[in-house]
PDB file of N, CA and C in Angstrom:
ATOM      1  N   UNK A   1      71.877  -6.165  62.374  1.00  0.00           N
ATOM      2  CA  UNK A   1      72.620  -5.496  63.430  1.00  0.00           C
ATOM      3  C   UNK A   1      73.279  -4.236  62.870  1.00  0.00           C
ATOM      4  N   UNK A   2      73.169  -3.161  63.613  1.00  0.00           N
ATOM      5  CA  UNK A   2      73.761  -1.896  63.198  1.00  0.00           C
ATOM      6  C   UNK A   2      75.274  -1.965  63.385  1.00  0.00           C
ATOM      7  N   UNK A   3      75.988  -1.325  62.453  1.00  0.00           N
ATOM      8  CA  UNK A   3      77.435  -1.316  62.602  1.00  0.00           C
ATOM      9  C   UNK A   3      77.835  -0.335  63.686  1.00  0.00           C
ATOM     10  N   UNK A   4      78.947  -0.597  64.308  1.00  0.00           N
ATOM     11  CA  UNK A   4      79.416   0.211  65.416  1.00  0.00           C
ATOM     12  C   UNK A   4      80.283   1.350  64.882  1.00  0.00           C
ATOM     13  N   UNK A   5      79.679   2.498  64.691  1.00  0.00           N
ATOM     14  CA  UNK A   5      80.397   3.658  64.184  1.00  0.00           C
ATOM     15  C   UNK A   5      81.018   4.435  65.341  1.00  0.00           C
ATOM     16  N   UNK A   6      81.912   5.351  65.015  1.00  0.00           N
ATOM     17  CA  UNK A   6      82.512   6.219  66.033  1.00  0.00           C
ATOM     18  C   UNK A   6      81.427   7.023  66.740  1.00  0.00           C
ATOM     19  N   UNK A   7      80.439   7.515  65.976  1.00  0.00           N
ATOM     20  CA  UNK A   7      79.356   8.292  66.576  1.00  0.00           C
ATOM     21  C   UNK A   7      78.564   7.444  67.568  1.00  0.00           C
ATOM     22  N   UNK A   8      78.211   6.240  67.149  1.00  0.00           N
ATOM     23  CA  UNK A   8      77.420   5.344  68.001  1.00  0.00           C
ATOM     24  C   UNK A   8      78.177   4.997  69.277  1.00  0.00           C
ATOM     25  N   UNK A   9      79.449   4.617  69.154  1.00  0.00           N
ATOM     26  CA  UNK A   9      80.219   4.230  70.340  1.00  0.00           C
ATOM     27  C   UNK A   9      80.467   5.434  71.248  1.00  0.00           C
ATOM     28  N   UNK A  10      80.652   6.626  70.687  1.00  0.00           N
ATOM     29  CA  UNK A  10      80.847   7.825  71.503  1.00  0.00           C
ATOM     30  C   UNK A  10      79.571   8.168  72.267  1.00  0.00           C
ATOM     31  N   UNK A  11      78.421   8.054  71.615  1.00  0.00           N
ATOM     32  CA  UNK A  11      77.136   8.318  72.275  1.00  0.00           C
ATOM     33  C   UNK A  11      76.906   7.313  73.399  1.00  0.00           C
ATOM     34  N   UNK A  12      77.175   6.042  73.142  1.00  0.00           N
ATOM     35  CA  UNK A  12      76.994   5.009  74.161  1.00  0.00           C
ATOM     36  C   UNK A  12      77.930   5.236  75.352  1.00  0.00           C
ATOM     37  N   UNK A  13      79.192   5.520  75.079  1.00  0.00           N
ATOM     38  CA  UNK A  13      80.154   5.793  76.152  1.00  0.00           C
ATOM     39  C   UNK A  13      79.710   7.014  76.961  1.00  0.00           C
ATOM     40  N   UNK A  14      79.218   8.037  76.286  1.00  0.00           N
ATOM     41  CA  UNK A  14      78.753   9.248  76.951  1.00  0.00           C
ATOM     42  C   UNK A  14      77.619   8.919  77.921  1.00  0.00           C
ATOM     43  N   UNK A  15      76.648   8.132  77.460  1.00  0.00           N
ATOM     44  CA  UNK A  15      75.511   7.776  78.308  1.00  0.00           C
ATOM     45  C   UNK A  15      75.922   6.904  79.481  1.00  0.00           C
ATOM     46  N   UNK A  16      76.840   5.981  79.265  1.00  0.00           N
ATOM     47  CA  UNK A  16      77.256   5.080  80.341  1.00  0.00           C
ATOM     48  C   UNK A  16      78.058   5.822  81.408  1.00  0.00           C
ATOM     49  N   UNK A  17      78.636   6.969  81.060  1.00  0.00           N
ATOM     50  CA  UNK A  17      79.461   7.731  81.997  1.00  0.00           C
ATOM     51  C   UNK A  17      78.659   8.751  82.810  1.00  0.00           C
ATOM     52  N   UNK A  18      77.375   8.863  82.543  1.00  0.00           N
ATOM     53  CA  UNK A  18      76.590   9.884  83.248  1.00  0.00           C
ATOM     54  C   UNK A  18      75.391   9.263  83.939  1.00  0.00           C
ATOM     55  N   UNK A  19      74.852   9.998  84.910  1.00  0.00           N
ATOM     56  CA  UNK A  19      73.704   9.486  85.653  1.00  0.00           C
ATOM     57  C   UNK A  19      72.586  10.533  85.738  1.00  0.00           C
ATOM     58  N   UNK A  20      72.569  11.471  84.795  1.00  0.00           N
ATOM     59  CA  UNK A  20      71.570  12.547  84.834  1.00  0.00           C
ATOM     60  C   UNK A  20      70.374  12.310  83.926  1.00  0.00           C
ATOM     61  N   UNK A  21      70.302  11.167  83.259  1.00  0.00           N
ATOM     62  CA  UNK A  21      69.167  10.827  82.404  1.00  0.00           C
ATOM     63  C   UNK A  21      68.903  11.945  81.391  1.00  0.00           C
ATOM     64  N   UNK A  22      69.887  12.201  80.526  1.00  0.00           N
ATOM     65  CA  UNK A  22      69.810  13.363  79.639  1.00  0.00           C
ATOM     66  C   UNK A  22      68.768  13.227  78.536  1.00  0.00           C
ATOM     67  N   UNK A  23      68.415  14.367  77.984  1.00  0.00           N
ATOM     68  CA  UNK A  23      67.601  14.422  76.770  1.00  0.00           C
ATOM     69  C   UNK A  23      68.543  14.250  75.580  1.00  0.00           C
ATOM     70  N   UNK A  24      67.992  14.080  74.398  1.00  0.00           N
ATOM     71  CA  UNK A  24      68.808  13.956  73.194  1.00  0.00           C
ATOM     72  C   UNK A  24      69.646  15.217  72.977  1.00  0.00           C
ATOM     73  N   UNK A  25      69.071  16.368  73.269  1.00  0.00           N
ATOM     74  CA  UNK A  25      69.792  17.628  73.091  1.00  0.00           C
ATOM     75  C   UNK A  25      70.980  17.728  74.047  1.00  0.00           C
ATOM     76  N   UNK A  26      70.806  17.222  75.263  1.00  0.00           N
ATOM     77  CA  UNK A  26      71.909  17.216  76.232  1.00  0.00           C
ATOM     78  C   UNK A  26      73.028  16.288  75.766  1.00  0.00           C
ATOM     79  N   UNK A  27      72.664  15.122  75.226  1.00  0.00           N
ATOM     80  CA  UNK A  27      73.661  14.194  74.692  1.00  0.00           C
ATOM     81  C   UNK A  27      74.384  14.851  73.525  1.00  0.00           C
ATOM     82  N   UNK A  28      73.634  15.481  72.642  1.00  0.00           N
ATOM     83  CA  UNK A  28      74.199  16.178  71.484  1.00  0.00           C
ATOM     84  C   UNK A  28      75.226  17.216  71.925  1.00  0.00           C
ATOM     85  N   UNK A  29      74.860  18.066  72.882  1.00  0.00           N
ATOM     86  CA  UNK A  29      75.778  19.105  73.359  1.00  0.00           C
ATOM     87  C   UNK A  29      77.052  18.494  73.934  1.00  0.00           C
ATOM     88  N   UNK A  30      76.924  17.402  74.653  1.00  0.00           N
ATOM     89  CA  UNK A  30      78.068  16.753  75.274  1.00  0.00           C
ATOM     90  C   UNK A  30      78.959  16.048  74.246  1.00  0.00           C
ATOM     91  N   UNK A  31      78.344  15.328  73.318  1.00  0.00           N
ATOM     92  CA  UNK A  31      79.094  14.567  72.320  1.00  0.00           C
ATOM     93  C   UNK A  31      79.809  15.500  71.340  1.00  0.00           C
ATOM     94  N   UNK A  32      79.248  16.682  71.106  1.00  0.00           N
ATOM     95  CA  UNK A  32      79.882  17.642  70.194  1.00  0.00           C
ATOM     96  C   UNK A  32      81.262  18.076  70.675  1.00  0.00           C
ATOM     97  N   UNK A  33      81.534  17.943  71.971  1.00  0.00           N
ATOM     98  CA  UNK A  33      82.869  18.264  72.479  1.00  0.00           C
ATOM     99  C   UNK A  33      83.914  17.312  71.905  1.00  0.00           C
ATOM    100  N   UNK A  34      83.503  16.065  71.633  1.00  0.00           N
ATOM    101  CA  UNK A  34      84.421  15.072  71.066  1.00  0.00           C
ATOM    102  C   UNK A  34      84.308  14.978  69.544  1.00  0.00           C
ATOM    103  N   UNK A  35      83.087  15.133  69.029  1.00  0.00           N
ATOM    104  CA  UNK A  35      82.848  15.066  67.579  1.00  0.00           C
ATOM    105  C   UNK A  35      82.126  16.357  67.178  1.00  0.00           C
ATOM    106  N   UNK A  36      82.862  17.431  66.905  1.00  0.00           N
ATOM    107  CA  UNK A  36      82.241  18.744  66.658  1.00  0.00           C
ATOM    108  C   UNK A  36      81.253  18.783  65.484  1.00  0.00           C
ATOM    109  N   UNK A  37      81.445  17.934  64.486  1.00  0.00           N
ATOM    110  CA  UNK A  37      80.580  17.997  63.301  1.00  0.00           C
ATOM    111  C   UNK A  37      79.402  17.028  63.337  1.00  0.00           C
ATOM    112  N   UNK A  38      79.155  16.391  64.475  1.00  0.00           N
ATOM    113  CA  UNK A  38      78.022  15.466  64.570  1.00  0.00           C
ATOM    114  C   UNK A  38      76.721  16.267  64.499  1.00  0.00           C
ATOM    115  N   UNK A  39      75.719  15.704  63.858  1.00  0.00           N
ATOM    116  CA  UNK A  39      74.430  16.404  63.741  1.00  0.00           C
ATOM    117  C   UNK A  39      73.463  15.904  64.805  1.00  0.00           C
ATOM    118  N   UNK A  40      72.483  16.744  65.123  1.00  0.00           N
ATOM    119  CA  UNK A  40      71.453  16.358  66.083  1.00  0.00           C
ATOM    120  C   UNK A  40      70.683  15.145  65.548  1.00  0.00           C
ATOM    121  N   UNK A  41      70.458  15.092  64.235  1.00  0.00           N
ATOM    122  CA  UNK A  41      69.779  13.944  63.624  1.00  0.00           C
ATOM    123  C   UNK A  41      70.539  12.644  63.835  1.00  0.00           C
ATOM    124  N   UNK A  42      71.857  12.702  63.747  1.00  0.00           N
ATOM    125  CA  UNK A  42      72.686  11.515  63.984  1.00  0.00           C
ATOM    126  C   UNK A  42      72.560  11.056  65.427  1.00  0.00           C
ATOM    127  N   UNK A  43      72.527  12.001  66.354  1.00  0.00           N
ATOM    128  CA  UNK A  43      72.369  11.658  67.767  1.00  0.00           C
ATOM    129  C   UNK A  43      71.007  10.991  67.988  1.00  0.00           C
ATOM    130  N   UNK A  44      69.944  11.603  67.465  1.00  0.00           N
ATOM    131  CA  UNK A  44      68.603  11.012  67.610  1.00  0.00           C
ATOM    132  C   UNK A  44      68.548   9.605  67.020  1.00  0.00           C
ATOM    133  N   UNK A  45      69.081   9.424  65.824  1.00  0.00           N
ATOM    134  CA  UNK A  45      69.047   8.127  65.151  1.00  0.00           C
ATOM    135  C   UNK A  45      69.802   7.072  65.969  1.00  0.00           C
ATOM    136  N   UNK A  46      70.978   7.425  66.479  1.00  0.00           N
ATOM    137  CA  UNK A  46      71.763   6.478  67.264  1.00  0.00           C
ATOM    138  C   UNK A  46      71.122   6.183  68.608  1.00  0.00           C
ATOM    139  N   UNK A  47      70.511   7.177  69.239  1.00  0.00           N
ATOM    140  CA  UNK A  47      69.799   6.924  70.492  1.00  0.00           C
ATOM    141  C   UNK A  47      68.640   5.962  70.264  1.00  0.00           C
ATOM    142  N   UNK A  48      67.908   6.139  69.178  1.00  0.00           N
ATOM    143  CA  UNK A  48      66.799   5.227  68.857  1.00  0.00           C
ATOM    144  C   UNK A  48      67.332   3.815  68.609  1.00  0.00           C
ATOM    145  N   UNK A  49      68.412   3.712  67.834  1.00  0.00           N
ATOM    146  CA  UNK A  49      68.986   2.397  67.546  1.00  0.00           C
ATOM    147  C   UNK A  49      69.514   1.715  68.814  1.00  0.00           C
ATOM    148  N   UNK A  50      70.201   2.473  69.665  1.00  0.00           N
ATOM    149  CA  UNK A  50      70.724   1.911  70.913  1.00  0.00           C
ATOM    150  C   UNK A  50      69.597   1.468  71.831  1.00  0.00           C
ATOM    151  N   UNK A  51      68.510   2.211  71.831  1.00  0.00           N
ATOM    152  CA  UNK A  51      67.338   1.832  72.616  1.00  0.00           C
ATOM    153  C   UNK A  51      66.681   0.582  72.041  1.00  0.00           C
ATOM    154  N   UNK A  52      66.547   0.529  70.727  1.00  0.00           N
ATOM    155  CA  UNK A  52      65.927  -0.627  70.067  1.00  0.00           C
ATOM    156  C   UNK A  52      66.700  -1.919  70.320  1.00  0.00           C
ATOM    157  N   UNK A  53      68.031  -1.824  70.420  1.00  0.00           N
ATOM    158  CA  UNK A  53      68.855  -3.018  70.644  1.00  0.00           C
ATOM    159  C   UNK A  53      69.002  -3.352  72.127  1.00  0.00           C
ATOM    160  N   UNK A  54      68.461  -2.512  73.010  1.00  0.00           N
ATOM    161  CA  UNK A  54      68.530  -2.765  74.446  1.00  0.00           C
ATOM    162  C   UNK A  54      69.834  -2.338  75.089  1.00  0.00           C
ATOM    163  N   UNK A  55      70.670  -1.605  74.350  1.00  0.00           N
ATOM    164  CA  UNK A  55      71.937  -1.134  74.913  1.00  0.00           C
ATOM    165  C   UNK A  55      71.736   0.014  75.897  1.00  0.00           C
ATOM    166  N   UNK A  56      70.644   0.757  75.736  1.00  0.00           N
ATOM    167  CA  UNK A  56      70.297   1.846  76.647  1.00  0.00           C
ATOM    168  C   UNK A  56      68.793   1.791  76.912  1.00  0.00           C
ATOM    169  N   UNK A  57      68.353   2.519  77.921  1.00  0.00           N
ATOM    170  CA  UNK A  57      66.920   2.688  78.170  1.00  0.00           C
ATOM    171  C   UNK A  57      66.496   4.058  77.664  1.00  0.00           C
ATOM    172  N   UNK A  58      65.293   4.128  77.139  1.00  0.00           N
ATOM    173  CA  UNK A  58      64.687   5.393  76.741  1.00  0.00           C
ATOM    174  C   UNK A  58      63.314   5.444  77.371  1.00  0.00           C
ATOM    175  N   UNK A  59      62.986   6.570  77.984  1.00  0.00           N
ATOM    176  CA  UNK A  59      61.666   6.703  78.598  1.00  0.00           C
ATOM    177  C   UNK A  59      61.214   8.157  78.557  1.00  0.00           C
ATOM    178  N   UNK A  60      59.903   8.321  78.517  1.00  0.00           N
ATOM    179  CA  UNK A  60      59.327   9.657  78.462  1.00  0.00           C
ATOM    180  C   UNK A  60      58.843  10.055  79.847  1.00  0.00           C
ATOM    181  N   UNK A  61      59.265  11.218  80.292  1.00  0.00           N
ATOM    182  CA  UNK A  61      58.839  11.775  81.572  1.00  0.00           C
ATOM    183  C   UNK A  61      58.765  13.286  81.428  1.00  0.00           C
ATOM    184  N   UNK A  62      57.735  13.873  81.992  1.00  0.00           N
ATOM    185  CA  UNK A  62      57.527  15.324  81.897  1.00  0.00           C
ATOM    186  C   UNK A  62      57.472  15.777  80.438  1.00  0.00           C
ATOM    187  N   UNK A  63      56.831  14.974  79.590  1.00  0.00           N
ATOM    188  CA  UNK A  63      56.678  15.260  78.160  1.00  0.00           C
ATOM    189  C   UNK A  63      58.003  15.367  77.409  1.00  0.00           C
ATOM    190  N   UNK A  64      59.046  14.732  77.938  1.00  0.00           N
ATOM    191  CA  UNK A  64      60.371  14.775  77.320  1.00  0.00           C
ATOM    192  C   UNK A  64      60.979  13.380  77.362  1.00  0.00           C
ATOM    193  N   UNK A  65      61.658  12.991  76.277  1.00  0.00           N
ATOM    194  CA  UNK A  65      62.350  11.705  76.248  1.00  0.00           C
ATOM    195  C   UNK A  65      63.689  11.837  76.947  1.00  0.00           C
ATOM    196  N   UNK A  66      63.994  10.853  77.801  1.00  0.00           N
ATOM    197  CA  UNK A  66      65.250  10.785  78.532  1.00  0.00           C
ATOM    198  C   UNK A  66      65.926   9.464  78.195  1.00  0.00           C
ATOM    199  N   UNK A  67      67.249   9.446  78.330  1.00  0.00           N
ATOM    200  CA  UNK A  67      68.032   8.271  77.962  1.00  0.00           C
ATOM    201  C   UNK A  67      68.942   7.886  79.123  1.00  0.00           C
ATOM    202  N   UNK A  68      69.166   6.570  79.262  1.00  0.00           N
ATOM    203  CA  UNK A  68      69.898   6.039  80.399  1.00  0.00           C
ATOM    204  C   UNK A  68      70.855   4.967  79.904  1.00  0.00           C
ATOM    205  N   UNK A  69      72.138   5.134  80.210  1.00  0.00           N
ATOM    206  CA  UNK A  69      73.148   4.163  79.811  1.00  0.00           C
ATOM    207  C   UNK A  69      73.140   2.901  80.636  1.00  0.00           C
ATOM    208  N   UNK A  70      72.372   2.880  81.722  1.00  0.00           N
ATOM    209  CA  UNK A  70      72.220   1.667  82.537  1.00  0.00           C
ATOM    210  C   UNK A  70      71.064   0.873  81.957  1.00  0.00           C
ATOM    211  N   UNK A  71      71.383  -0.214  81.281  1.00  0.00           N
ATOM    212  CA  UNK A  71      70.344  -0.942  80.555  1.00  0.00           C
ATOM    213  C   UNK A  71      69.709  -2.073  81.359  1.00  0.00           C
ATOM    214  N   UNK A  72      70.308  -2.457  82.509  1.00  0.00           N
ATOM    215  CA  UNK A  72      69.669  -3.509  83.294  1.00  0.00           C
ATOM    216  C   UNK A  72      68.405  -2.955  83.943  1.00  0.00           C
ATOM    217  N   UNK A  73      67.451  -3.831  84.230  1.00  0.00           N
ATOM    218  CA  UNK A  73      66.167  -3.373  84.782  1.00  0.00           C
ATOM    219  C   UNK A  73      66.356  -2.585  86.082  1.00  0.00           C
ATOM    220  N   UNK A  74      65.752  -1.423  86.131  1.00  0.00           N
ATOM    221  CA  UNK A  74      65.758  -0.627  87.350  1.00  0.00           C
ATOM    222  C   UNK A  74      64.627   0.391  87.311  1.00  0.00           C
ATOM    223  N   UNK A  75      64.422   1.037  88.444  1.00  0.00           N
ATOM    224  CA  UNK A  75      63.354   2.025  88.550  1.00  0.00           C
ATOM    225  C   UNK A  75      63.939   3.436  88.503  1.00  0.00           C
ATOM    226  N   UNK A  76      63.093   4.373  88.162  1.00  0.00           N
ATOM    227  CA  UNK A  76      63.458   5.784  88.190  1.00  0.00           C
ATOM    228  C   UNK A  76      62.495   6.529  89.095  1.00  0.00           C
ATOM    229  N   UNK A  77      63.043   7.355  89.968  1.00  0.00           N
ATOM    230  CA  UNK A  77      62.232   8.250  90.776  1.00  0.00           C
ATOM    231  C   UNK A  77      62.253   9.612  90.106  1.00  0.00           C
ATOM    232  N   UNK A  78      61.075  10.139  89.776  1.00  0.00           N
ATOM    233  CA  UNK A  78      60.953  11.425  89.110  1.00  0.00           C
ATOM    234  C   UNK A  78      60.222  12.402  90.021  1.00  0.00           C
ATOM    235  N   UNK A  79      60.898  13.499  90.357  1.00  0.00           N
ATOM    236  CA  UNK A  79      60.283  14.509  91.219  1.00  0.00           C
ATOM    237  C   UNK A  79      59.294  15.330  90.400  1.00  0.00           C
ATOM    238  N   UNK A  80      58.057  15.379  90.865  1.00  0.00           N
ATOM    239  CA  UNK A  80      56.992  16.116  90.166  1.00  0.00           C
ATOM    240  C   UNK A  80      57.135  17.620  90.348  1.00  0.00           C
ATOM    241  N   UNK A  81      57.996  18.054  91.272  1.00  0.00           N
ATOM    242  CA  UNK A  81      58.172  19.482  91.501  1.00  0.00           C
ATOM    243  C   UNK A  81      59.315  20.056  90.661  1.00  0.00           C
ATOM    244  N   UNK A  82      60.516  19.485  90.793  1.00  0.00           N
ATOM    245  CA  UNK A  82      61.689  20.049  90.098  1.00  0.00           C
ATOM    246  C   UNK A  82      62.077  19.282  88.838  1.00  0.00           C
ATOM    247  N   UNK A  83      61.520  18.073  88.626  1.00  0.00           N
ATOM    248  CA  UNK A  83      61.830  17.294  87.431  1.00  0.00           C
ATOM    249  C   UNK A  83      63.064  16.418  87.544  1.00  0.00           C
ATOM    250  N   UNK A  84      63.720  16.433  88.674  1.00  0.00           N
ATOM    251  CA  UNK A  84      64.912  15.612  88.875  1.00  0.00           C
ATOM    252  C   UNK A  84      64.571  14.137  88.726  1.00  0.00           C
ATOM    253  N   UNK A  85      65.486  13.378  88.114  1.00  0.00           N
ATOM    254  CA  UNK A  85      65.305  11.937  87.916  1.00  0.00           C
ATOM    255  C   UNK A  85      66.494  11.215  88.524  1.00  0.00           C
ATOM    256  N   UNK A  86      66.224  10.265  89.415  1.00  0.00           N
ATOM    257  CA  UNK A  86      67.268   9.459  90.049  1.00  0.00           C
ATOM    258  C   UNK A  86      66.982   7.986  89.814  1.00  0.00           C
ATOM    259  N   UNK A  87      68.044   7.179  89.828  1.00  0.00           N
ATOM    260  CA  UNK A  87      67.905   5.728  89.707  1.00  0.00           C
ATOM    261  C   UNK A  87      67.486   5.120  91.034  1.00  0.00           C
ATOM    262  N   UNK A  88      66.622   4.119  90.946  1.00  0.00           N
ATOM    263  CA  UNK A  88      66.284   3.248  92.067  1.00  0.00           C
ATOM    264  C   UNK A  88      66.572   1.839  91.573  1.00  0.00           C
ATOM    265  N   UNK A  89      67.614   1.221  92.080  1.00  0.00           N
ATOM    266  CA  UNK A  89      68.027  -0.079  91.566  1.00  0.00           C
ATOM    267  C   UNK A  89      67.159  -1.200  92.141  1.00  0.00           C
ATOM    268  N   UNK A  90      66.941  -2.221  91.343  1.00  0.00           N
ATOM    269  CA  UNK A  90      66.154  -3.384  91.719  1.00  0.00           C
ATOM    270  C   UNK A  90      67.120  -4.470  92.178  1.00  0.00           C
ATOM    271  N   UNK A  91      66.825  -5.094  93.298  1.00  0.00           N
ATOM    272  CA  UNK A  91      67.661  -6.170  93.791  1.00  0.00           C
ATOM    273  C   UNK A  91      67.258  -7.467  93.090  1.00  0.00           C
ATOM    274  N   UNK A  92      68.131  -7.984  92.273  1.00  0.00           N
ATOM    275  CA  UNK A  92      67.834  -9.201  91.514  1.00  0.00           C
ATOM    276  C   UNK A  92      68.056  -8.965  90.035  1.00  0.00           C
ATOM    277  N   UNK A  93      68.148 -10.021  89.284  1.00  0.00           N
ATOM    278  CA  UNK A  93      68.463  -9.915  87.865  1.00  0.00           C
ATOM    279  C   UNK A  93      67.258  -9.635  86.987  1.00  0.00           C
ATOM    280  N   UNK A  94      66.133 -10.238  87.273  1.00  0.00           N
ATOM    281  CA  UNK A  94      64.978 -10.092  86.399  1.00  0.00           C
ATOM    282  C   UNK A  94      63.711  -9.887  87.213  1.00  0.00           C
ATOM    283  N   UNK A  95      62.879  -9.023  86.718  1.00  0.00           N
ATOM    284  CA  UNK A  95      61.536  -8.892  87.251  1.00  0.00           C
ATOM    285  C   UNK A  95      60.597  -9.404  86.174  1.00  0.00           C
ATOM    286  N   UNK A  96      59.703 -10.275  86.540  1.00  0.00           N
ATOM    287  CA  UNK A  96      58.768 -10.807  85.562  1.00  0.00           C
ATOM    288  C   UNK A  96      57.347 -10.523  86.017  1.00  0.00           C
ATOM    289  N   UNK A  97      56.517 -10.121  85.083  1.00  0.00           N
ATOM    290  CA  UNK A  97      55.096  -9.955  85.330  1.00  0.00           C
ATOM    291  C   UNK A  97      54.388 -11.201  84.857  1.00  0.00           C
ATOM    292  N   UNK A  98      53.130 -11.317  85.211  1.00  0.00           N
ATOM    293  CA  UNK A  98      52.353 -12.430  84.670  1.00  0.00           C
ATOM    294  C   UNK A  98      52.408 -12.400  83.159  1.00  0.00           C
ATOM    295  N   UNK A  99      52.204 -13.511  82.540  1.00  0.00           N
ATOM    296  CA  UNK A  99      52.208 -13.665  81.092  1.00  0.00           C
ATOM    297  C   UNK A  99      53.582 -13.439  80.472  1.00  0.00           C
ATOM    298  N   UNK A 100      54.647 -13.450  81.293  1.00  0.00           N
ATOM    299  CA  UNK A 100      56.003 -13.429  80.757  1.00  0.00           C
ATOM    300  C   UNK A 100      56.556 -12.082  80.353  1.00  0.00           C
ATOM    301  N   UNK A 101      55.896 -10.984  80.684  1.00  0.00           N
ATOM    302  CA  UNK A 101      56.449  -9.677  80.368  1.00  0.00           C
ATOM    303  C   UNK A 101      57.680  -9.432  81.233  1.00  0.00           C
ATOM    304  N   UNK A 102      58.750  -8.947  80.640  1.00  0.00           N
ATOM    305  CA  UNK A 102      59.951  -8.620  81.394  1.00  0.00           C
ATOM    306  C   UNK A 102      59.992  -7.122  81.629  1.00  0.00           C
ATOM    307  N   UNK A 103      60.180  -6.717  82.867  1.00  0.00           N
ATOM    308  CA  UNK A 103      60.210  -5.304  83.227  1.00  0.00           C
ATOM    309  C   UNK A 103      61.598  -4.742  82.953  1.00  0.00           C
ATOM    310  N   UNK A 104      61.675  -3.635  82.232  1.00  0.00           N
ATOM    311  CA  UNK A 104      62.933  -2.951  81.951  1.00  0.00           C
ATOM    312  C   UNK A 104      63.036  -1.641  82.717  1.00  0.00           C
ATOM    313  N   UNK A 105      61.903  -0.980  82.951  1.00  0.00           N
ATOM    314  CA  UNK A 105      61.922   0.339  83.559  1.00  0.00           C
ATOM    315  C   UNK A 105      60.605   0.571  84.285  1.00  0.00           C
ATOM    316  N   UNK A 106      60.701   1.048  85.512  1.00  0.00           N
ATOM    317  CA  UNK A 106      59.535   1.443  86.288  1.00  0.00           C
ATOM    318  C   UNK A 106      59.759   2.889  86.707  1.00  0.00           C
ATOM    319  N   UNK A 107      58.761   3.732  86.526  1.00  0.00           N
ATOM    320  CA  UNK A 107      58.876   5.133  86.917  1.00  0.00           C
ATOM    321  C   UNK A 107      58.011   5.366  88.149  1.00  0.00           C
ATOM    322  N   UNK A 108      58.641   5.877  89.203  1.00  0.00           N
ATOM    323  CA  UNK A 108      57.964   6.220  90.444  1.00  0.00           C
ATOM    324  C   UNK A 108      57.981   7.737  90.538  1.00  0.00           C
ATOM    325  N   UNK A 109      56.829   8.334  90.761  1.00  0.00           N
ATOM    326  CA  UNK A 109      56.756   9.789  90.843  1.00  0.00           C
ATOM    327  C   UNK A 109      56.457  10.225  92.269  1.00  0.00           C
ATOM    328  N   UNK A 110      56.997  11.347  92.642  1.00  0.00           N
ATOM    329  CA  UNK A 110      56.777  11.901  93.975  1.00  0.00           C
ATOM    330  C   UNK A 110      57.481  13.241  94.083  1.00  0.00           C
ATOM    331  N   UNK A 111      57.783  13.633  95.303  1.00  0.00           N
ATOM    332  CA  UNK A 111      58.487  14.885  95.566  1.00  0.00           C
ATOM    333  C   UNK A 111      59.808  14.539  96.250  1.00  0.00           C
ATOM    334  N   UNK A 112      60.927  15.028  95.704  1.00  0.00           N
ATOM    335  CA  UNK A 112      62.237  14.716  96.269  1.00  0.00           C
ATOM    336  C   UNK A 112      62.426  15.425  97.614  1.00  0.00           C
ATOM    337  N   UNK A 113      63.398  14.967  98.354  1.00  0.00           N
ATOM    338  CA  UNK A 113      63.676  15.498  99.690  1.00  0.00           C
ATOM    339  C   UNK A 113      63.966  17.002  99.642  1.00  0.00           C
ATOM    340  N   UNK A 114      64.750  17.438  98.678  1.00  0.00           N
ATOM    341  CA  UNK A 114      65.107  18.855  98.578  1.00  0.00           C
ATOM    342  C   UNK A 114      63.864  19.721  98.367  1.00  0.00           C
ATOM    343  N   UNK A 115      62.977  19.291  97.495  1.00  0.00           N
ATOM    344  CA  UNK A 115      61.749  20.051  97.261  1.00  0.00           C
ATOM    345  C   UNK A 115      60.866  20.046  98.516  1.00  0.00           C
ATOM    346  N   UNK A 116      60.825  18.911  99.223  1.00  0.00           N
ATOM    347  CA  UNK A 116      60.039  18.836 100.461  1.00  0.00           C
ATOM    348  C   UNK A 116      60.592  19.809 101.501  1.00  0.00           C
ATOM    349  N   UNK A 117      61.926  19.820 101.643  1.00  0.00           N
ATOM    350  CA  UNK A 117      62.552  20.702 102.626  1.00  0.00           C
ATOM    351  C   UNK A 117      62.359  22.178 102.289  1.00  0.00           C
ATOM    352  N   UNK A 118      62.241  22.482 100.996  1.00  0.00           N
ATOM    353  CA  UNK A 118      62.044  23.874 100.565  1.00  0.00           C
ATOM    354  C   UNK A 118      60.583  24.237 100.405  1.00  0.00           C
ATOM    355  N   UNK A 119      59.695  23.328 100.822  1.00  0.00           N
ATOM    356  CA  UNK A 119      58.264  23.609 100.783  1.00  0.00           C
ATOM    357  C   UNK A 119      57.660  23.613  99.387  1.00  0.00           C
ATOM    358  N   UNK A 120      58.366  23.037  98.399  1.00  0.00           N
ATOM    359  CA  UNK A 120      57.825  22.965  97.032  1.00  0.00           C
ATOM    360  C   UNK A 120      57.003  21.698  96.887  1.00  0.00           C
ATOM    361  N   UNK A 121      55.902  21.812  96.214  1.00  0.00           N
ATOM    362  CA  UNK A 121      55.019  20.663  96.015  1.00  0.00           C
ATOM    363  C   UNK A 121      54.910  20.321  94.567  1.00  0.00           C
TER     364      UNK A 121
END
């Protein structure tokens, strides 16, 4: 088990307080306000560790890794036009697939309402 450092707990708190599904660079920029001397490598390492332990979700969309402080199983809607990512919550505690696979993240792609209204595809 990884020890709970100030950097790790600050990164986790930062992710749990936001709903924009940030990239590592976005987390880095935000966390630097509280810990000015933190390195981008430290942020990446802690995000990987938090993801490995199931404390956060990590997923790749639009060729970029995104991180989510909501670790319970849920879906993400990703707009193929503007790249916006929103949560779609699952009703119930667990989703199970055949053969015992537990679902942690489902990505649904489409076009968001704003892009539809503005004629963007």
